[in-house]
């Protein structure tokens, strides 16, 4: 069955806009390039997340894209939660302020369905030099709509795995299994806690946001037999599997996790791990390139193993940060040229040559994993990343059938609001202000309201 055929019916554009739009009066604080946008045809306004790979792109653009094409790129760069809100506002309203935005395999099919994205089949995908067939099938499929059209091109793809300090484990006499269970991880976190002065056992995201704490936590829920919704749209947020997984996660990060975990997301855990403050980190496979880059303090000291499991054989997520072109953009040609460059094999080779192959935004092209230069530099993690992406199953990520596709998200327009609200309760439990039971009971009420919209009673 095609993954997209499992999607439920979509709401109207107006209701989607209301569901997806969040209040964000402070979003422009800290923007990079927000005030320098050029309305000319030879310019592109790009709204993107502040992940390190994106910042590399920003640094390389003028010299290697603008100089060649004459197209000026004006970047607005925001933290993950903020950029999601801003993109939601921009695309649902079709304001046309931004031509290109960093979206994901969650937004692409939904936005495409509602006419908010320009299909790329006849632009980027038809460019022979782009090598569309080189894109990994599982990554490309996630960026397509029910109509079979391609609505975004991947900048990088990822799954999730467990990262650990090999030197710390060796000194402490600890052994990491190639396929650990969450019980083993919890035991190792307890033993690694304090292995060096100020070092905690593990870093796990606790920051509110459907793409923050619930990215890793939902994979734990899946492998513990839980789910957000059953196939017939019955909410299960306070069900047994969801509860067991959340209690393990909350207890683990409270007892052996990083200080201030309730406000720690990907960026904070990356910094904590690179600075030697944590012995383990469960998160995105894309982090490995940053850890192994030539300017990283932990390069060569990190081991990479499969995402921890409980009842399933694998549990890694499947995700891609990708480029979508707003349908309302008046600079379609320039936008398509930018996307073709930013997602190209040539751009990866540029990063390899200028910044080091470990920093290449990988996880999207088969040719990357066949490249000897990449294999040599990424020897410690590229096979683990390949395996994680290959074993991630967005159709069947848990123990029971699901009503939609998605490993770490539920592929419906209501999920960003639902996931973010429930994540706030989880963060409160991590901070010790409420119990897991209370947090999930509140989450169940919200999930039941969403389920009622889809359930055919």
Protein backbone atom coordinates (compact mmCIF):
# COMPACT_ATOMS: atom_id res chain seq x y z
CA UNK A 1 0.00 0.00 0.00
CA UNK A 2 1.25 3.47 -0.84
CA UNK A 3 1.97 5.32 2.41
CA UNK A 4 -0.01 8.36 1.33
CA UNK A 5 -3.17 6.38 0.68
CA UNK A 6 -3.45 5.84 4.43
CA UNK A 7 -3.99 9.53 5.12
CA UNK A 8 -7.42 10.57 6.45
CA UNK A 9 -9.49 13.21 4.68
CA UNK A 10 -8.17 16.76 5.02
CA UNK A 11 -9.92 19.73 6.53
CA UNK A 12 -10.66 22.88 4.57
CA UNK A 13 -7.92 25.43 4.03
CA UNK A 14 -9.52 27.83 6.47
CA UNK A 15 -9.73 25.35 9.31
CA UNK A 16 -6.20 24.15 8.64
CA UNK A 17 -4.93 27.67 8.89
CA UNK A 18 -6.56 28.07 12.27
CA UNK A 19 -5.19 24.75 13.46
CA UNK A 20 -1.66 25.28 12.24
CA UNK A 21 -1.19 28.95 13.10
CA UNK A 22 0.24 29.77 16.52
CA UNK A 23 0.73 33.12 18.18
CA UNK A 24 4.32 34.24 17.81
CA UNK A 25 4.69 37.93 18.51
CA UNK A 26 8.37 37.59 19.39
CA UNK A 27 9.40 35.52 16.39
CA UNK A 28 11.39 38.25 14.72
CA UNK A 29 13.70 38.64 17.70
CA UNK A 30 17.10 37.30 16.77
CA UNK A 31 16.29 36.85 13.07
CA UNK A 32 19.23 36.76 10.71
CA UNK A 33 18.52 38.70 7.54
CA UNK A 34 14.88 39.45 8.30
CA UNK A 35 15.28 43.12 7.55
CA UNK A 36 17.27 42.80 4.35
CA UNK A 37 14.80 41.16 2.00
CA UNK A 38 14.95 42.18 -1.63
CA UNK A 39 11.78 42.13 -3.68
CA UNK A 40 13.61 41.81 -7.02
CA UNK A 41 13.23 38.83 -9.32
CA UNK A 42 16.91 37.97 -8.85
CA UNK A 43 16.52 37.34 -5.15
CA UNK A 44 15.08 34.65 -2.90
CA UNK A 45 13.76 35.02 0.63
CA UNK A 46 14.42 31.86 2.63
CA UNK A 47 12.94 31.03 6.04
CA UNK A 48 14.80 28.23 7.78
CA UNK A 49 15.58 26.47 11.04
CA UNK A 50 18.84 27.36 12.82
CA UNK A 51 20.36 23.87 12.67
CA UNK A 52 24.15 23.80 12.11
CA UNK A 53 23.84 22.36 8.61
CA UNK A 54 21.60 25.28 7.64
CA UNK A 55 24.09 27.75 9.06
CA UNK A 56 26.81 26.14 6.93
CA UNK A 57 24.60 26.72 3.91
CA UNK A 58 24.13 30.35 4.84
CA UNK A 59 27.90 30.86 5.03
CA UNK A 60 28.55 29.29 1.63
CA UNK A 61 25.71 30.88 -0.33
CA UNK A 62 27.13 34.22 -1.44
CA UNK A 63 30.42 32.89 -2.75
CA UNK A 64 29.19 29.70 -4.37
CA UNK A 65 25.57 30.39 -5.38
CA UNK A 66 24.98 34.13 -5.67
CA UNK A 67 28.28 34.76 -7.44
CA UNK A 68 27.41 32.11 -10.05
CA UNK A 69 23.71 32.84 -10.57
CA UNK A 70 23.35 36.48 -9.59
CA UNK A 71 20.52 35.50 -7.23
CA UNK A 72 20.76 37.12 -3.81
CA UNK A 73 19.53 34.95 -0.95
CA UNK A 74 18.01 36.65 2.10
CA UNK A 75 17.89 34.27 5.04
CA UNK A 76 15.65 34.46 8.09
CA UNK A 77 16.93 31.96 10.65
CA UNK A 78 14.91 30.90 13.71
CA UNK A 79 14.94 28.17 16.41
CA UNK A 80 12.90 25.07 15.58
CA UNK A 81 9.72 25.83 17.51
CA UNK A 82 9.68 29.42 16.31
CA UNK A 83 10.35 28.61 12.68
CA UNK A 84 7.54 26.04 12.64
CA UNK A 85 5.09 28.68 13.85
CA UNK A 86 6.37 31.26 11.39
CA UNK A 87 6.20 28.84 8.44
CA UNK A 88 2.68 27.85 9.44
CA UNK A 89 1.56 31.48 9.42
CA UNK A 90 3.32 32.25 6.15
CA UNK A 91 2.11 29.28 4.13
CA UNK A 92 -1.46 29.04 5.38
CA UNK A 93 -1.99 32.72 4.59
CA UNK A 94 -0.01 32.50 1.32
CA UNK A 95 1.53 35.83 2.20
CA UNK A 96 4.33 35.40 -0.32
CA UNK A 97 6.89 37.07 1.94
CA UNK A 98 9.14 34.02 1.83
CA UNK A 99 9.77 32.11 -1.37
CA UNK A 100 11.37 29.04 0.20
CA UNK A 101 11.13 27.50 3.66
CA UNK A 102 12.68 24.55 5.47
CA UNK A 103 9.76 22.18 5.93
CA UNK A 104 9.67 18.45 6.63
CA UNK A 105 8.00 15.23 5.59
CA UNK A 106 5.21 16.16 7.98
CA UNK A 107 4.28 19.47 6.34
CA UNK A 108 5.03 18.72 2.67
CA UNK A 109 2.06 16.42 1.89
CA UNK A 110 -0.40 18.51 3.94
CA UNK A 111 0.72 21.82 2.49
CA UNK A 112 0.76 20.34 -1.01
CA UNK A 113 -2.77 19.01 -0.61
CA UNK A 114 -4.00 22.49 0.19
CA UNK A 115 -2.23 24.25 -2.64
CA UNK A 116 0.32 26.06 -0.49
CA UNK A 117 3.39 24.57 -2.21
CA UNK A 118 4.55 24.70 -5.81
CA UNK A 119 5.07 21.16 -7.19
CA UNK A 120 8.68 20.51 -8.14
CA UNK A 121 8.11 17.76 -10.72
CA UNK A 122 8.50 20.11 -13.69
CA UNK A 123 11.23 22.31 -12.20
CA UNK A 124 13.89 20.90 -9.90
CA UNK A 125 13.05 17.23 -10.49
CA UNK A 126 13.33 17.63 -14.30
CA UNK A 127 16.77 19.22 -14.07
CA UNK A 128 19.03 16.45 -15.31
CA UNK A 129 22.01 17.72 -13.34
CA UNK A 130 20.00 17.45 -10.11
CA UNK A 131 19.86 13.64 -10.36
CA UNK A 132 16.43 13.08 -8.83
CA UNK A 133 16.86 9.30 -9.03
CA UNK A 134 19.76 9.60 -6.61
CA UNK A 135 17.40 10.66 -3.80
CA UNK A 136 16.71 7.79 -1.38
CA UNK A 137 13.20 6.41 -2.11
CA UNK A 138 12.02 6.48 1.52
CA UNK A 139 13.04 10.13 1.87
CA UNK A 140 11.44 11.16 -1.42
CA UNK A 141 8.20 9.32 -0.69
CA UNK A 142 7.72 11.31 2.49
CA UNK A 143 7.81 14.56 0.52
CA UNK A 144 5.14 13.55 -1.98
CA UNK A 145 1.42 14.17 -1.83
CA UNK A 146 -1.54 11.87 -2.35
CA UNK A 147 -1.61 13.12 -5.93
CA UNK A 148 1.86 11.71 -6.58
CA UNK A 149 3.45 15.13 -6.97
CA UNK A 150 6.72 16.08 -5.32
CA UNK A 151 6.33 19.07 -3.00
CA UNK A 152 9.80 19.45 -1.47
CA UNK A 153 13.41 18.45 -2.01
CA UNK A 154 15.42 17.12 0.95
CA UNK A 155 18.32 19.07 2.39
CA UNK A 156 19.20 16.18 4.67
CA UNK A 157 17.49 13.04 5.89
CA UNK A 158 17.80 11.31 9.23
CA UNK A 159 16.69 8.59 11.57
CA UNK A 160 17.70 8.30 15.22
CA UNK A 161 20.30 6.32 17.13
CA UNK A 162 22.17 6.22 20.41
CA UNK A 163 25.52 8.01 20.70
CA UNK A 164 27.96 7.31 23.54
CA UNK A 165 31.48 8.20 24.64
CA UNK A 166 33.64 5.18 23.88
CA UNK A 167 36.53 6.47 25.97
CA UNK A 168 34.33 7.09 29.01
CA UNK A 169 32.73 3.66 28.74
CA UNK A 170 36.11 1.95 28.39
CA UNK A 171 37.53 3.73 31.43
CA UNK A 172 34.45 2.81 33.47
CA UNK A 173 34.43 -0.81 32.29
CA UNK A 174 31.07 -0.44 30.55
CA UNK A 175 30.00 -2.25 27.38
CA UNK A 176 27.44 -0.85 24.95
CA UNK A 177 25.37 -3.45 23.03
CA UNK A 178 24.97 -2.96 19.27
CA UNK A 179 21.20 -3.18 19.73
CA UNK A 180 20.48 -1.94 23.26
CA UNK A 181 17.17 -2.08 25.07
CA UNK A 182 15.88 0.90 27.02
CA UNK A 183 16.42 -1.05 30.26
CA UNK A 184 20.08 -1.50 29.34
CA UNK A 185 20.36 2.19 28.49
CA UNK A 186 18.85 3.17 31.84
CA UNK A 187 21.31 0.88 33.66
CA UNK A 188 24.26 2.27 31.70
CA UNK A 189 23.13 5.85 32.34
CA UNK A 190 23.16 5.18 36.07
CA UNK A 191 26.66 3.70 35.91
CA UNK A 192 28.04 6.44 33.64
CA UNK A 193 26.55 9.22 35.76
CA UNK A 194 29.53 10.92 37.41
CA UNK A 195 32.08 8.90 35.43
CA UNK A 196 33.90 12.22 35.06
CA UNK A 197 33.48 15.37 37.13
CA UNK A 198 30.21 17.07 36.20
CA UNK A 199 29.25 14.40 33.66
CA UNK A 200 25.68 13.07 33.57
CA UNK A 201 24.68 9.67 32.23
CA UNK A 202 22.53 10.75 29.29
CA UNK A 203 21.03 13.69 27.44
CA UNK A 204 17.42 13.48 26.25
CA UNK A 205 15.27 16.26 24.85
CA UNK A 206 12.81 17.71 27.35
CA UNK A 207 11.96 20.99 25.65
CA UNK A 208 8.26 21.45 24.82
CA UNK A 209 7.37 21.11 21.16
CA UNK A 210 5.99 18.34 18.97
CA UNK A 211 9.30 18.30 17.13
CA UNK A 212 11.39 18.57 20.29
CA UNK A 213 10.65 16.26 23.23
CA UNK A 214 8.11 14.20 21.28
CA UNK A 215 10.54 13.37 18.48
CA UNK A 216 12.54 10.95 20.68
CA UNK A 217 9.77 10.23 23.18
CA UNK A 218 7.28 8.98 20.59
CA UNK A 219 9.83 6.42 19.38
CA UNK A 220 10.01 5.15 22.95
CA UNK A 221 6.21 5.05 23.09
CA UNK A 222 6.14 3.01 19.87
CA UNK A 223 8.59 0.38 21.08
CA UNK A 224 6.78 0.06 24.42
CA UNK A 225 3.58 -0.83 22.58
CA UNK A 226 1.92 2.56 22.84
CA UNK A 227 0.45 4.86 20.23
CA UNK A 228 -1.26 8.25 20.02
CA UNK A 229 -4.28 6.71 18.29
CA UNK A 230 -5.47 3.25 17.33
CA UNK A 231 -6.40 2.52 13.72
CA UNK A 232 -10.05 3.29 14.46
CA UNK A 233 -9.16 6.66 16.08
CA UNK A 234 -9.31 5.85 19.75
CA UNK A 235 -6.94 8.04 21.77
CA UNK A 236 -4.31 6.13 23.77
CA UNK A 237 -2.24 8.90 25.37
CA UNK A 238 -2.82 7.59 28.90
CA UNK A 239 -2.78 3.97 27.78
CA UNK A 240 -0.40 1.40 29.22
CA UNK A 241 2.33 1.56 26.58
CA UNK A 242 2.33 5.35 26.36
CA UNK A 243 2.45 5.61 30.16
CA UNK A 244 5.25 3.06 30.66
CA UNK A 245 7.38 4.71 28.00
CA UNK A 246 6.85 8.21 29.35
CA UNK A 247 7.61 7.19 32.91
CA UNK A 248 10.84 5.55 31.82
CA UNK A 249 11.83 8.62 29.81
CA UNK A 250 10.94 11.14 32.51
CA UNK A 251 12.55 9.12 35.30
CA UNK A 252 15.70 8.58 33.24
CA UNK A 253 16.22 12.21 32.40
CA UNK A 254 15.34 13.37 35.92
CA UNK A 255 17.71 10.92 37.61
CA UNK A 256 20.62 10.79 35.17
CA UNK A 257 19.97 13.44 32.54
CA UNK A 258 21.30 16.92 31.85
CA UNK A 259 20.55 19.86 34.18
CA UNK A 260 17.62 21.96 33.00
CA UNK A 261 16.31 19.08 30.89
CA UNK A 262 12.83 20.60 30.63
CA UNK A 263 14.33 23.33 28.43
CA UNK A 264 16.83 21.19 26.51
CA UNK A 265 16.26 20.46 22.84
CA UNK A 266 18.50 19.20 20.06
CA UNK A 267 20.85 22.20 20.20
CA UNK A 268 21.27 22.03 23.96
CA UNK A 269 21.97 18.28 23.95
CA UNK A 270 24.44 18.71 21.10
CA UNK A 271 26.34 21.30 23.11
CA UNK A 272 26.18 19.20 26.28
CA UNK A 273 27.54 16.11 24.54
CA UNK A 274 30.26 17.98 22.65
CA UNK A 275 31.38 19.68 25.86
CA UNK A 276 31.75 16.38 27.70
CA UNK A 277 28.86 16.97 30.08
CA UNK A 278 26.97 13.80 29.15
CA UNK A 279 28.10 10.24 28.43
CA UNK A 280 25.22 9.24 26.11
CA UNK A 281 22.75 10.96 23.83
CA UNK A 282 19.75 9.52 21.99
CA UNK A 283 18.80 11.73 19.05
CA UNK A 284 19.02 12.34 15.30
CA UNK A 285 21.55 10.52 13.15
CA UNK A 286 22.35 13.88 11.54
CA UNK A 287 24.11 14.86 14.77
CA UNK A 288 26.96 12.46 14.02
CA UNK A 289 28.45 14.64 11.31
CA UNK A 290 28.62 17.54 13.74
CA UNK A 291 30.23 15.39 16.43
CA UNK A 292 32.86 14.09 14.01
CA UNK A 293 33.69 17.38 12.32
CA UNK A 294 37.28 18.55 12.55
CA UNK A 295 36.45 21.28 15.06
CA UNK A 296 34.55 18.97 17.44
CA UNK A 297 36.12 18.19 20.82
CA UNK A 298 34.68 14.66 20.80
CA UNK A 299 35.63 13.65 17.25
CA UNK A 300 36.87 10.06 17.21
CA UNK A 301 35.59 9.41 20.74
CA UNK A 302 31.97 8.57 19.95
CA UNK A 303 30.29 5.24 19.29
CA UNK A 304 26.99 4.86 17.44
CA UNK A 305 24.46 2.06 17.96
CA UNK A 306 20.85 1.40 17.01
CA UNK A 307 17.96 3.24 18.62
CA UNK A 308 17.04 1.49 21.90
CA UNK A 309 14.07 -0.85 21.84
CA UNK A 310 11.73 -2.72 24.15
CA UNK A 311 9.13 -4.76 22.25
CA UNK A 312 9.93 -3.89 18.62
CA UNK A 313 12.96 -4.88 16.52
CA UNK A 314 13.79 -1.28 15.65
CA UNK A 315 12.55 2.12 16.78
CA UNK A 316 14.33 4.90 14.90
CA UNK A 317 12.36 7.75 13.38
CA UNK A 318 12.35 8.84 9.73
CA UNK A 319 12.58 12.54 9.01
CA UNK A 320 13.91 15.05 6.55
CA UNK A 321 14.46 18.77 6.58
CA UNK A 322 13.56 19.83 3.07
CA UNK A 323 12.98 22.86 0.88
CA UNK A 324 9.45 23.81 -0.14
CA UNK A 325 8.59 26.68 -2.50
CA UNK A 326 5.55 28.73 -1.54
CA UNK A 327 2.86 28.66 -4.24
CA UNK A 328 2.31 32.41 -3.78
CA UNK A 329 5.97 33.22 -4.48
CA UNK A 330 6.51 35.59 -7.40
CA UNK A 331 10.09 34.37 -7.80
CA UNK A 332 9.45 30.74 -8.75
CA UNK A 333 12.39 30.41 -11.13
CA UNK A 334 14.94 31.88 -8.73
CA UNK A 335 13.47 29.80 -5.89
CA UNK A 336 13.77 26.62 -7.94
CA UNK A 337 17.39 27.41 -8.77
CA UNK A 338 18.14 27.85 -5.06
CA UNK A 339 16.46 24.57 -4.11
CA UNK A 340 18.26 22.71 -6.91
CA UNK A 341 21.58 24.00 -5.61
CA UNK A 342 20.94 23.56 -1.88
CA UNK A 343 19.80 19.93 -2.30
CA UNK A 344 22.31 18.96 -4.96
CA UNK A 345 25.12 16.46 -5.00
CA UNK A 346 27.39 19.33 -6.01
CA UNK A 347 26.53 21.19 -2.81
CA UNK A 348 27.44 18.14 -0.75
CA UNK A 349 30.78 17.96 -2.55
CA UNK A 350 31.31 21.66 -1.84
CA UNK A 351 30.73 21.12 1.88
CA UNK A 352 33.06 18.13 1.81
CA UNK A 353 35.81 20.16 0.20
CA UNK A 354 35.40 23.34 2.24
CA UNK A 355 34.15 22.17 5.65
CA UNK A 356 34.97 18.47 5.75
CA UNK A 357 32.96 15.45 4.66
CA UNK A 358 31.63 14.84 8.15
CA UNK A 359 29.58 18.05 7.85
CA UNK A 360 27.86 17.05 4.61
CA UNK A 361 24.04 17.23 4.90
CA UNK A 362 23.66 13.53 4.18
CA UNK A 363 20.87 11.00 4.57
CA UNK A 364 19.21 11.81 1.25
CA UNK A 365 21.39 10.60 -1.66
CA UNK A 366 22.56 7.09 -2.46
CA UNK A 367 25.71 8.52 -4.05
CA UNK A 368 26.79 10.03 -0.74
CA UNK A 369 27.06 6.62 0.90
CA UNK A 370 28.98 5.26 -2.08
CA UNK A 371 31.49 8.13 -2.03
CA UNK A 372 34.91 6.92 -0.78
CA UNK A 373 35.75 10.34 0.69
CA UNK A 374 32.53 10.33 2.70
CA UNK A 375 32.97 6.72 3.76
CA UNK A 376 36.47 7.41 5.02
CA UNK A 377 35.52 10.48 7.04
CA UNK A 378 32.19 9.11 8.25
CA UNK A 379 33.47 5.59 8.89
CA UNK A 380 32.31 5.60 12.51
CA UNK A 381 28.67 6.41 11.76
CA UNK A 382 27.63 6.22 8.11
CA UNK A 383 26.65 2.53 8.16
CA UNK A 384 24.73 2.98 11.41
CA UNK A 385 22.90 5.91 9.80
CA UNK A 386 22.13 3.92 6.65
CA UNK A 387 20.76 1.04 8.71
CA UNK A 388 18.66 3.35 10.85
CA UNK A 389 17.06 5.00 7.82
CA UNK A 390 16.54 1.64 6.10
CA UNK A 391 14.82 0.02 9.11
CA UNK A 392 12.54 2.94 9.98
CA UNK A 393 8.98 2.06 9.00
CA UNK A 394 6.53 4.99 8.99
CA UNK A 395 3.65 2.67 8.10
CA UNK A 396 4.17 0.27 11.02
CA UNK A 397 6.37 1.88 13.69
CA UNK A 398 4.85 0.03 16.65
CA UNK A 399 2.87 -3.04 17.61
CA UNK A 400 -0.54 -2.10 16.24
CA UNK A 401 -1.97 -0.63 13.01
CA UNK A 402 -2.08 3.17 12.85
CA UNK A 403 -4.59 5.51 11.20
CA UNK A 404 -1.84 7.50 9.45
CA UNK A 405 1.81 7.21 8.48
CA UNK A 406 4.57 8.64 10.65
CA UNK A 407 7.04 7.34 13.23
CA UNK A 408 7.50 10.30 15.57
CA UNK A 409 4.41 12.23 14.50
CA UNK A 410 0.79 11.65 13.57
CA UNK A 411 0.25 12.81 10.01
CA UNK A 412 -2.76 15.07 10.54
CA UNK A 413 -2.99 18.87 10.60
CA UNK A 414 -4.06 18.87 14.24
CA UNK A 415 -0.93 17.16 15.49
CA UNK A 416 1.37 20.20 15.88
CA UNK A 417 -1.10 21.80 18.27
CA UNK A 418 -1.90 18.55 20.07
CA UNK A 419 1.71 17.41 20.32
CA UNK A 420 2.94 20.78 21.53
CA UNK A 421 0.27 21.08 24.23
CA UNK A 422 0.91 17.58 25.55
CA UNK A 423 4.66 18.20 25.40
CA UNK A 424 4.19 21.12 27.78
CA UNK A 425 2.68 18.71 30.31
CA UNK A 426 5.60 16.32 29.79
CA UNK A 427 8.13 19.12 30.31
CA UNK A 428 6.31 20.00 33.52
CA UNK A 429 6.70 16.39 34.69
CA UNK A 430 10.41 16.47 33.82
CA UNK A 431 10.73 19.66 35.86
CA UNK A 432 9.00 17.96 38.80
CA UNK A 433 5.93 20.20 38.78
CA UNK A 434 3.45 17.43 37.98
CA UNK A 435 3.28 13.65 37.68
CA UNK A 436 3.43 11.64 34.48
CA UNK A 437 -0.01 10.25 35.21
CA UNK A 438 -1.52 13.71 35.53
CA UNK A 439 0.29 14.94 32.42
CA UNK A 440 -0.96 12.06 30.29
CA UNK A 441 -4.53 12.25 31.64
CA UNK A 442 -4.65 15.86 30.45
CA UNK A 443 -3.12 14.83 27.16
CA UNK A 444 -5.73 12.11 26.75
CA UNK A 445 -8.52 14.67 26.96
CA UNK A 446 -6.94 16.72 24.18
CA UNK A 447 -6.31 13.62 22.05
CA UNK A 448 -9.92 12.48 22.44
CA UNK A 449 -11.12 15.80 21.06
CA UNK A 450 -8.92 15.34 17.99
CA UNK A 451 -9.92 11.69 17.55
CA UNK A 452 -13.60 12.61 17.58
CA UNK A 453 -13.11 14.61 14.37
CA UNK A 454 -11.94 11.52 12.50
CA UNK A 455 -13.72 8.66 14.20
CA UNK A 456 -16.76 7.20 12.43
CA UNK A 457 -18.98 6.24 15.35
